[in-house]
Amino acid sequence: MKVFHLSHIDLDGYGCQLVSREFFQDIVFYNANYG
């Protein structure tokens, strides 16, 4: 199963990615800037 993760580029979004990476092995991250 492939998981797609969309977050903003900041410490909060990056922290969520680190946590998500621990749970999902096949995960794709998309980072979006504000604005």
N, C-alpha and C. Protein backbone atom coordinates (compact mmCIF):
# COMPACT_ATOMS: atom_id res chain seq x y z
N MET A 1 0.85 -1.19 0.00
CA MET A 1 0.00 0.00 0.00
C MET A 1 0.88 1.24 0.00
N LYS A 2 0.59 2.15 -0.90
CA LYS A 2 1.36 3.39 -0.96
C LYS A 2 0.59 4.50 -0.26
N VAL A 3 1.30 5.21 0.59
CA VAL A 3 0.68 6.29 1.36
C VAL A 3 1.20 7.62 0.85
N PHE A 4 0.30 8.55 0.63
CA PHE A 4 0.69 9.89 0.19
C PHE A 4 0.49 10.87 1.33
N HIS A 5 1.52 11.63 1.60
CA HIS A 5 1.49 12.56 2.72
C HIS A 5 1.72 13.97 2.20
N LEU A 6 0.77 14.86 2.47
CA LEU A 6 0.88 16.25 2.03
C LEU A 6 1.03 17.13 3.26
N SER A 7 2.07 17.94 3.27
CA SER A 7 2.29 18.82 4.41
C SER A 7 3.01 20.07 3.97
N HIS A 8 3.04 21.03 4.87
CA HIS A 8 3.77 22.26 4.61
C HIS A 8 5.22 22.09 5.04
N ILE A 9 6.09 22.88 4.46
CA ILE A 9 7.50 22.81 4.81
C ILE A 9 7.73 23.66 6.06
N ASP A 10 7.58 23.04 7.19
CA ASP A 10 7.91 23.68 8.46
C ASP A 10 8.21 22.58 9.47
N LEU A 11 8.56 22.95 10.67
CA LEU A 11 8.95 21.95 11.66
C LEU A 11 7.79 21.04 12.03
N ASP A 12 6.57 21.57 12.06
CA ASP A 12 5.42 20.76 12.41
C ASP A 12 5.16 19.71 11.34
N GLY A 13 5.19 20.12 10.07
CA GLY A 13 4.98 19.18 8.98
C GLY A 13 6.10 18.16 8.90
N TYR A 14 7.33 18.61 9.13
CA TYR A 14 8.46 17.70 9.06
C TYR A 14 8.41 16.69 10.20
N GLY A 15 7.96 17.12 11.36
CA GLY A 15 7.82 16.21 12.49
C GLY A 15 6.80 15.12 12.19
N CYS A 16 5.72 15.49 11.52
CA CYS A 16 4.71 14.51 11.14
C CYS A 16 5.28 13.51 10.15
N GLN A 17 6.16 13.97 9.27
CA GLN A 17 6.77 13.06 8.30
C GLN A 17 7.66 12.05 9.01
N LEU A 18 8.42 12.51 10.01
CA LEU A 18 9.30 11.60 10.73
C LEU A 18 8.49 10.53 11.44
N VAL A 19 7.37 10.92 12.03
CA VAL A 19 6.51 9.96 12.72
C VAL A 19 5.87 9.01 11.72
N SER A 20 5.38 9.57 10.60
CA SER A 20 4.72 8.74 9.60
C SER A 20 5.69 7.73 8.99
N ARG A 21 6.95 8.14 8.82
CA ARG A 21 7.93 7.25 8.21
C ARG A 21 8.19 6.03 9.11
N GLU A 22 7.98 6.19 10.41
CA GLU A 22 8.18 5.07 11.32
C GLU A 22 7.08 4.02 11.14
N PHE A 23 5.89 4.46 10.73
CA PHE A 23 4.76 3.55 10.60
C PHE A 23 4.60 2.99 9.20
N PHE A 24 4.96 3.79 8.19
CA PHE A 24 4.77 3.37 6.81
C PHE A 24 6.11 3.24 6.11
N GLN A 25 6.32 2.09 5.47
CA GLN A 25 7.57 1.85 4.77
C GLN A 25 7.53 2.43 3.36
N ASP A 26 6.38 2.30 2.70
CA ASP A 26 6.24 2.77 1.32
C ASP A 26 5.40 4.05 1.33
N ILE A 27 6.07 5.16 1.57
CA ILE A 27 5.34 6.41 1.73
C ILE A 27 5.97 7.48 0.87
N VAL A 28 5.14 8.33 0.30
CA VAL A 28 5.60 9.41 -0.56
C VAL A 28 5.20 10.74 0.07
N PHE A 29 6.15 11.64 0.16
CA PHE A 29 5.88 12.94 0.79
C PHE A 29 5.81 14.04 -0.26
N TYR A 30 4.82 14.86 -0.13
CA TYR A 30 4.71 16.05 -0.97
C TYR A 30 4.73 17.28 -0.06
N ASN A 31 5.68 18.16 -0.28
CA ASN A 31 5.79 19.36 0.53
C ASN A 31 5.29 20.56 -0.26
N ALA A 32 4.48 21.38 0.38
CA ALA A 32 3.93 22.56 -0.27
C ALA A 32 4.28 23.80 0.53
N ASN A 33 4.67 24.84 -0.16
CA ASN A 33 4.96 26.10 0.51
C ASN A 33 3.68 26.84 0.82
N TYR A 34 3.73 27.70 1.80
CA TYR A 34 2.57 28.54 2.11
C TYR A 34 2.37 29.55 0.99
N GLY A 35 1.11 29.85 0.71
CA GLY A 35 0.82 30.81 -0.34
C GLY A 35 0.55 30.08 -1.60
